[in-house]
Amino acid sequence: MLRMFDKLFNRKELEKKIGILQTRINELEPENKSLSTRLSKQEVRAKRAVSDKQEVDLALKKAEKRIDNLERTLENQKEETQKTDDLAQTSKRSVTLTNAQSCDLLSQISSIRSRNEDLVTVYLRPNESFTDLNEFESIIELEQDVKYLMQRIESPTGMALFYDMKRLGMVRMIMTPPFPIVESKWKLDRVFDTTQLQELLEQNQVICILLAHAGETFIGISDRERVIEYKIVRSSVKEKHTKGGMSQRRFERLRDEDVRHHAEKARAVFEALVDDHKDELKMVVASGEHNLVKDITGGGDSGYRYPFPLLIRSIDPKAKIEKRNIDMIRVLTWSARWYNIVSV
């Protein structure tokens, strides 16, 4: 009997302990869930942190690459600025000379004599360089500032170089002519070869001069000595900028119509003058607004249709076109640009 009582007592104790443990389990379950949730969130944050780090690393690499590119760009700009400064130092003096003045200067250059073969003459056609001259670079060693200046000068007519290779040479000049150089060549001699330029400047060819500007276009037939015939085409063209309530798109559309109307008027005059003198014309020399030049000389998509070449170059009369300054246009058209190379 006593033994049975002990067993019953132990059973009740065990059940009591089990109850207590179950209660504790029930108490811990919410905490367990909370901890599980926190752990899950931490895992998500950890994964997000890894992803964010990868994105940051990628952005950092891109930023570093961009910094490198910017540094290289800055360095290149510094080099270009230095080259520009060097160019300004190298070419301290440049001047536009009339046809007569250029002929006089060429005569003086051709009269120079040297004891040795150290006078270099170079002729380059448009868009050509020293590399197009046979054996030039293997024989002649020009100073870098001279080469650089010739590369920097933009000339649709080519250029000529007269260069005394002596350290204290008397002549170091570049000339961009009014009309295209015919033949690229070079010569090293005791004298300068000015023949090609002299022939180019002294020929009395008949040309058509076109100064195309929206609202005012000059079209003239000229030779070396005089303006033979000319017309000035004027029409009302709105300025490029407007004030007031008119929308920019509508304003631009109206201006385009004005320009198109002006181009049609100028083209009719151009064709009439050119057709009247087509048997004697050798070239059309045009300057001004490029698209307008194209519309006047070629009629848009139809293209330039005349048998003589079209030369587009800068001619700036620096004044409103009036009867009193018409001859100045002829003078400027036959003028040449000279660069006196001053090494530092």
Protein backbone atom coordinates (compact mmCIF):
# COMPACT_ATOMS: atom_id res chain seq x y z
CA MET A 1 0.00 0.00 0.00
CA LEU A 2 2.79 2.36 0.92
CA ARG A 3 4.56 1.58 -2.32
CA MET A 4 1.47 2.40 -4.34
CA PHE A 5 1.11 5.70 -2.52
CA ASP A 6 4.70 6.63 -3.31
CA LYS A 7 4.17 5.88 -6.98
CA LEU A 8 1.00 7.94 -7.04
CA PHE A 9 2.77 10.83 -5.30
CA ASN A 10 5.69 10.71 -7.76
CA ARG A 11 3.27 10.70 -10.66
CA LYS A 12 1.55 13.81 -9.42
CA GLU A 13 4.92 15.49 -8.98
CA LEU A 14 5.87 14.60 -12.49
CA GLU A 15 2.58 15.87 -13.87
CA LYS A 16 3.09 19.09 -11.91
CA LYS A 17 6.58 19.49 -13.32
CA ILE A 18 5.26 18.75 -16.80
CA GLY A 19 2.63 21.41 -16.32
CA ILE A 20 5.21 23.90 -15.20
CA LEU A 21 7.42 23.08 -18.19
CA GLN A 22 4.47 23.34 -20.57
CA THR A 23 3.63 26.71 -19.13
CA ARG A 24 7.24 27.79 -19.63
CA ILE A 25 7.14 26.48 -23.19
CA ASN A 26 3.99 28.48 -23.84
CA GLU A 27 5.69 31.56 -22.40
CA LEU A 28 8.79 31.06 -24.56
CA GLU A 29 6.96 30.45 -27.85
CA PRO A 30 6.17 34.19 -28.49
CA GLU A 31 9.75 35.09 -27.66
CA ASN A 32 10.95 32.33 -29.99
CA LYS A 33 8.75 33.65 -32.76
CA SER A 34 10.01 37.17 -32.08
CA LEU A 35 13.61 36.00 -32.19
CA SER A 36 12.95 34.03 -35.38
CA THR A 37 11.41 37.12 -36.98
CA ARG A 38 14.33 39.28 -35.90
CA LEU A 39 16.77 36.66 -37.22
CA SER A 40 14.92 36.55 -40.54
CA LYS A 41 15.03 40.34 -40.77
CA GLN A 42 18.73 40.33 -39.94
CA GLU A 43 19.33 37.80 -42.69
CA VAL A 44 17.41 40.02 -45.13
CA ARG A 45 19.39 43.05 -43.98
CA ALA A 46 22.61 41.07 -44.30
CA LYS A 47 21.73 40.06 -47.87
CA ARG A 48 20.70 43.64 -48.64
CA ALA A 49 23.95 44.89 -47.14
CA VAL A 50 25.91 42.52 -49.39
CA SER A 51 23.90 43.72 -52.40
CA ASP A 52 24.33 47.36 -51.38
CA LYS A 53 28.06 46.83 -50.96
CA GLN A 54 28.27 45.33 -54.44
CA GLU A 55 26.36 48.32 -55.85
CA VAL A 56 28.57 50.74 -53.92
CA ASP A 57 31.70 48.96 -55.17
CA LEU A 58 30.40 49.14 -58.75
CA ALA A 59 29.48 52.82 -58.38
CA LEU A 60 32.91 53.47 -56.85
CA LYS A 61 34.64 51.80 -59.77
CA LYS A 62 32.56 53.86 -62.20
CA ALA A 63 33.34 57.02 -60.25
CA GLU A 64 37.05 56.19 -60.25
CA LYS A 65 36.93 55.54 -63.99
CA ARG A 66 35.09 58.82 -64.54
CA ILE A 67 37.65 60.66 -62.42
CA ASP A 68 40.44 59.12 -64.50
CA ASN A 69 38.68 60.20 -67.71
CA LEU A 70 38.13 63.71 -66.35
CA GLU A 71 41.76 63.93 -65.30
CA ARG A 72 42.87 62.84 -68.78
CA THR A 73 40.46 65.32 -70.36
CA LEU A 74 41.77 68.06 -68.11
CA GLU A 75 45.32 67.14 -68.98
CA ASN A 76 44.49 67.17 -72.69
CA GLN A 77 42.83 70.56 -72.29
CA LYS A 78 45.91 71.85 -70.53
CA GLU A 79 48.03 70.54 -73.40
CA GLU A 80 45.71 72.17 -75.95
CA THR A 81 45.82 75.43 -74.01
CA GLN A 82 49.58 75.22 -73.90
CA LYS A 83 49.68 74.51 -77.63
CA THR A 84 47.38 77.47 -78.27
CA ASP A 85 49.63 79.67 -76.15
CA ASP A 86 52.64 78.32 -78.02
CA LEU A 87 50.85 79.03 -81.28
CA ALA A 88 50.18 82.59 -80.19
CA GLN A 89 53.85 82.97 -79.29
CA THR A 90 55.02 81.30 -82.49
CA SER A 91 52.77 83.32 -84.76
CA LYS A 92 52.91 86.73 -83.18
CA ARG A 93 52.22 88.52 -86.41
CA SER A 94 49.77 87.73 -89.19
CA VAL A 95 48.43 90.16 -91.74
CA THR A 96 46.14 90.27 -94.77
CA LEU A 97 47.88 91.74 -97.80
CA THR A 98 46.27 92.87 -101.03
CA ASN A 99 47.16 91.25 -104.31
CA ALA A 100 49.63 94.00 -105.17
CA GLN A 101 51.24 93.89 -101.72
CA SER A 102 51.58 90.11 -101.88
CA CYS A 103 53.19 90.31 -105.31
CA ASP A 104 55.69 92.87 -104.00
CA LEU A 105 56.52 90.68 -100.99
CA LEU A 106 56.97 87.62 -103.21
CA SER A 107 59.34 89.61 -105.39
CA GLN A 108 61.43 90.47 -102.32
CA ILE A 109 61.43 86.85 -101.14
CA SER A 110 62.51 85.60 -104.58
CA SER A 111 65.47 88.02 -104.56
CA ILE A 112 67.02 86.48 -101.42
CA ARG A 113 70.21 84.47 -102.01
CA SER A 114 72.06 82.12 -99.66
CA ARG A 115 75.60 80.73 -99.78
CA ASN A 116 74.29 77.28 -98.99
CA GLU A 117 71.25 75.22 -99.92
CA ASP A 118 69.28 76.03 -96.79
CA LEU A 119 66.20 77.83 -98.14
CA VAL A 120 63.12 75.61 -98.07
CA THR A 121 60.03 76.20 -100.22
CA VAL A 122 56.90 74.12 -99.61
CA TYR A 123 53.61 74.17 -101.50
CA LEU A 124 50.65 72.22 -100.12
CA ARG A 125 47.33 71.81 -101.85
CA PRO A 126 44.11 71.96 -99.77
CA ASN A 127 43.82 69.09 -97.26
CA GLU A 128 47.39 67.92 -97.85
CA SER A 129 50.32 67.85 -95.42
CA PHE A 130 54.05 67.16 -95.22
CA THR A 131 53.35 63.41 -95.38
CA ASP A 132 52.13 63.91 -98.95
CA LEU A 133 55.53 65.27 -100.01
CA ASN A 134 57.96 62.69 -101.35
CA GLU A 135 61.04 62.26 -99.06
CA PHE A 136 60.44 65.63 -97.40
CA GLU A 137 60.38 64.48 -93.78
CA SER A 138 63.41 62.23 -94.22
CA ILE A 139 65.52 65.13 -95.51
CA ILE A 140 64.11 68.33 -93.98
CA GLU A 141 63.86 68.84 -90.24
CA LEU A 142 61.56 71.75 -89.51
CA GLU A 143 61.06 73.10 -86.01
CA GLN A 144 58.01 71.66 -84.26
CA ASP A 145 56.36 75.05 -83.87
CA VAL A 146 56.44 75.51 -87.65
CA LYS A 147 54.86 72.12 -88.29
CA TYR A 148 52.30 72.74 -85.59
CA LEU A 149 51.34 76.14 -86.99
CA MET A 150 50.85 74.73 -90.48
CA GLN A 151 48.64 71.98 -89.05
CA ARG A 152 46.57 74.52 -87.14
CA ILE A 153 45.94 76.91 -90.04
CA GLU A 154 42.67 76.07 -91.78
CA SER A 155 42.88 77.04 -95.42
CA PRO A 156 40.57 75.84 -98.22
CA THR A 157 43.18 77.05 -100.71
CA GLY A 158 46.23 75.29 -99.28
CA MET A 159 49.38 77.12 -98.21
CA ALA A 160 52.99 77.92 -99.02
CA LEU A 161 56.01 77.97 -96.69
CA PHE A 162 59.19 79.96 -97.17
CA TYR A 163 61.66 78.87 -94.52
CA ASP A 164 65.30 79.82 -93.95
CA MET A 165 66.81 76.90 -92.03
CA LYS A 166 69.62 78.95 -90.54
CA ARG A 167 69.22 79.63 -86.82
CA LEU A 168 68.85 83.34 -87.47
CA GLY A 169 67.06 82.94 -90.77
CA MET A 170 65.74 86.09 -92.44
CA VAL A 171 62.56 84.54 -93.83
CA ARG A 172 60.16 82.22 -92.00
CA MET A 173 56.74 82.85 -93.47
CA ILE A 174 53.54 80.99 -94.31
CA MET A 175 51.07 82.27 -96.88
CA THR A 176 47.49 81.14 -97.56
CA PRO A 177 46.61 82.29 -101.09
CA PRO A 178 43.24 83.58 -102.32
CA PHE A 179 42.91 80.70 -104.79
CA PRO A 180 43.90 77.01 -104.50
CA ILE A 181 47.48 75.81 -104.77
CA VAL A 182 47.73 73.74 -107.96
CA GLU A 183 50.61 71.38 -107.11
CA SER A 184 52.07 70.13 -103.83
CA LYS A 185 55.84 70.10 -103.92
CA TRP A 186 58.97 71.17 -102.03
CA LYS A 187 62.42 72.43 -102.82
CA LEU A 188 65.68 72.97 -100.93
CA ASP A 189 67.91 75.48 -102.71
CA ARG A 190 69.95 78.67 -102.45
CA VAL A 191 66.85 80.64 -103.48
CA PHE A 192 63.15 80.41 -102.73
CA ASP A 193 60.82 79.13 -105.45
CA THR A 194 57.99 81.68 -105.71
CA THR A 195 56.96 80.83 -109.27
CA GLN A 196 53.72 79.00 -108.48
CA LEU A 197 52.41 81.74 -106.20
CA GLN A 198 53.42 84.51 -108.57
CA GLU A 199 51.51 82.83 -111.39
CA LEU A 200 48.54 82.28 -109.09
CA LEU A 201 48.37 85.92 -107.97
CA GLU A 202 49.15 87.52 -111.32
CA GLN A 203 46.63 85.66 -113.46
CA ASN A 204 43.77 87.93 -114.45
CA GLN A 205 41.02 85.33 -114.32
CA VAL A 206 37.33 86.21 -114.27
CA ILE A 207 35.45 84.94 -111.23
CA CYS A 208 32.02 85.19 -109.65
CA ILE A 209 32.03 86.49 -106.06
CA LEU A 210 29.13 85.49 -103.82
CA LEU A 211 28.66 86.89 -100.32
CA ALA A 212 25.57 85.10 -99.02
CA HIS A 213 23.81 86.52 -95.97
CA ALA A 214 20.11 86.23 -95.15
CA GLY A 215 18.52 89.54 -96.11
CA GLU A 216 21.53 90.88 -98.07
CA THR A 217 23.51 88.96 -100.69
CA PHE A 218 26.19 90.28 -103.03
CA ILE A 219 26.75 88.62 -106.39
CA GLY A 220 29.42 90.06 -108.66
CA ILE A 221 31.55 89.26 -111.68
CA SER A 222 35.13 90.44 -111.28
CA ASP A 223 38.65 90.05 -112.56
CA ARG A 224 41.88 91.01 -110.86
CA GLU A 225 41.55 94.70 -111.69
CA ARG A 226 37.85 95.58 -111.46
CA VAL A 227 34.29 94.56 -110.69
CA ILE A 228 32.72 93.97 -114.09
CA GLU A 229 29.09 93.62 -113.00
CA TYR A 230 27.28 93.08 -109.73
CA LYS A 231 23.88 92.78 -108.09
CA ILE A 232 22.82 93.20 -104.46
CA VAL A 233 19.80 91.15 -103.44
CA ARG A 234 17.96 92.48 -100.41
CA SER A 235 14.82 91.16 -98.76
CA SER A 236 13.11 91.32 -95.38
CA VAL A 237 14.37 88.54 -93.08
CA LYS A 238 13.53 88.46 -89.40
CA GLU A 239 16.39 88.65 -86.92
CA LYS A 240 17.48 85.39 -85.29
CA HIS A 241 15.98 86.38 -81.94
CA THR A 242 12.63 87.94 -81.17
CA LYS A 243 10.89 89.52 -78.23
CA GLY A 244 7.21 89.47 -77.43
CA GLY A 245 4.45 86.90 -77.33
CA MET A 246 5.24 85.04 -80.56
CA SER A 247 6.17 81.41 -79.91
CA GLN A 248 9.74 80.42 -80.77
CA ARG A 249 8.60 77.65 -83.14
CA ARG A 250 6.28 79.95 -85.07
CA PHE A 251 8.94 82.64 -85.21
CA GLU A 252 11.54 80.20 -86.57
CA ARG A 253 9.06 78.91 -89.15
CA LEU A 254 8.37 82.45 -90.37
CA ARG A 255 12.08 83.25 -90.45
CA ASP A 256 12.83 80.07 -92.42
CA GLU A 257 10.22 81.17 -94.96
CA ASP A 258 11.91 84.60 -95.22
CA VAL A 259 15.32 82.97 -95.74
CA ARG A 260 13.93 80.56 -98.35
CA HIS A 261 12.33 83.46 -100.21
CA HIS A 262 15.62 85.39 -100.11
CA ALA A 263 17.55 82.33 -101.37
CA GLU A 264 15.14 81.98 -104.31
CA LYS A 265 15.57 85.65 -105.27
CA ALA A 266 19.37 85.45 -104.93
CA ARG A 267 19.57 82.19 -106.87
CA ALA A 268 17.70 83.69 -109.81
CA VAL A 269 20.15 86.63 -109.90
CA PHE A 270 23.15 84.30 -109.46
CA GLU A 271 22.10 82.04 -112.33
CA ALA A 272 21.41 85.02 -114.62
CA LEU A 273 24.83 86.61 -113.95
CA VAL A 274 26.71 83.33 -114.24
CA ASP A 275 24.94 82.40 -117.48
CA ASP A 276 25.76 85.83 -118.95
CA HIS A 277 29.49 85.33 -118.24
CA LYS A 278 29.83 81.53 -118.35
CA ASP A 279 32.19 81.60 -121.34
CA GLU A 280 34.81 83.59 -119.42
CA LEU A 281 34.24 82.50 -115.81
CA LYS A 282 36.91 80.32 -114.19
CA MET A 283 35.58 79.97 -110.63
CA VAL A 284 32.88 80.90 -108.12
CA VAL A 285 34.28 82.20 -104.83
CA ALA A 286 31.62 82.10 -102.12
CA SER A 287 31.50 83.22 -98.51
CA GLY A 288 28.88 83.68 -95.81
CA GLU A 289 26.17 81.37 -94.51
CA HIS A 290 27.00 77.87 -95.75
CA ASN A 291 23.43 76.61 -96.18
CA LEU A 292 22.48 79.77 -98.02
CA VAL A 293 25.52 79.41 -100.30
CA LYS A 294 24.37 75.88 -101.08
CA ASP A 295 20.80 77.00 -101.81
CA ILE A 296 21.94 79.82 -104.08
CA THR A 297 24.60 77.94 -106.04
CA GLY A 298 23.10 74.47 -106.08
CA GLY A 299 19.40 74.74 -105.48
CA GLY A 300 19.29 72.34 -102.53
CA ASP A 301 19.44 68.66 -103.52
CA SER A 302 20.14 69.24 -107.21
CA GLY A 303 23.77 70.06 -106.44
CA TYR A 304 26.27 72.46 -107.95
CA ARG A 305 25.77 72.20 -111.71
CA TYR A 306 28.33 74.56 -113.26
CA PRO A 307 31.51 73.43 -115.10
CA PHE A 308 33.81 75.70 -113.07
CA PRO A 309 34.80 75.01 -109.44
CA LEU A 310 33.10 76.42 -106.36
CA LEU A 311 35.52 77.72 -103.70
CA ILE A 312 34.06 78.48 -100.26
CA ARG A 313 36.34 80.65 -98.12
CA SER A 314 36.18 83.56 -95.71
CA ILE A 315 35.69 87.03 -97.20
CA ASP A 316 34.69 89.65 -94.67
CA PRO A 317 33.95 93.14 -96.01
CA LYS A 318 33.37 94.31 -92.38
CA ALA A 319 30.76 96.78 -93.55
CA LYS A 320 27.27 96.92 -94.96
CA ILE A 321 27.41 96.30 -98.70
CA GLU A 322 27.00 99.63 -100.43
CA LYS A 323 27.99 100.99 -103.81
CA ARG A 324 30.92 102.90 -102.31
CA ASN A 325 32.61 99.76 -100.94
CA ILE A 326 31.95 97.30 -103.76
CA ASP A 327 35.56 97.41 -104.95
CA MET A 328 36.71 96.50 -101.44
CA ILE A 329 35.04 93.11 -101.94
CA ARG A 330 37.18 92.53 -105.04
CA VAL A 331 40.32 93.57 -103.15
CA LEU A 332 39.55 91.22 -100.26
CA THR A 333 38.79 88.35 -102.61
CA TRP A 334 42.26 88.63 -104.19
CA SER A 335 44.01 89.21 -100.85
CA ALA A 336 46.23 86.65 -99.10
CA ARG A 337 46.98 85.92 -95.45
CA TRP A 338 50.62 85.99 -94.35
CA TYR A 339 52.02 84.56 -91.11
CA ASN A 340 55.43 85.68 -89.89
CA ILE A 341 56.84 82.88 -87.75
CA VAL A 342 58.58 84.19 -84.66
CA SER A 343 60.16 81.34 -82.67
CA VAL A 344 60.55 81.76 -78.91
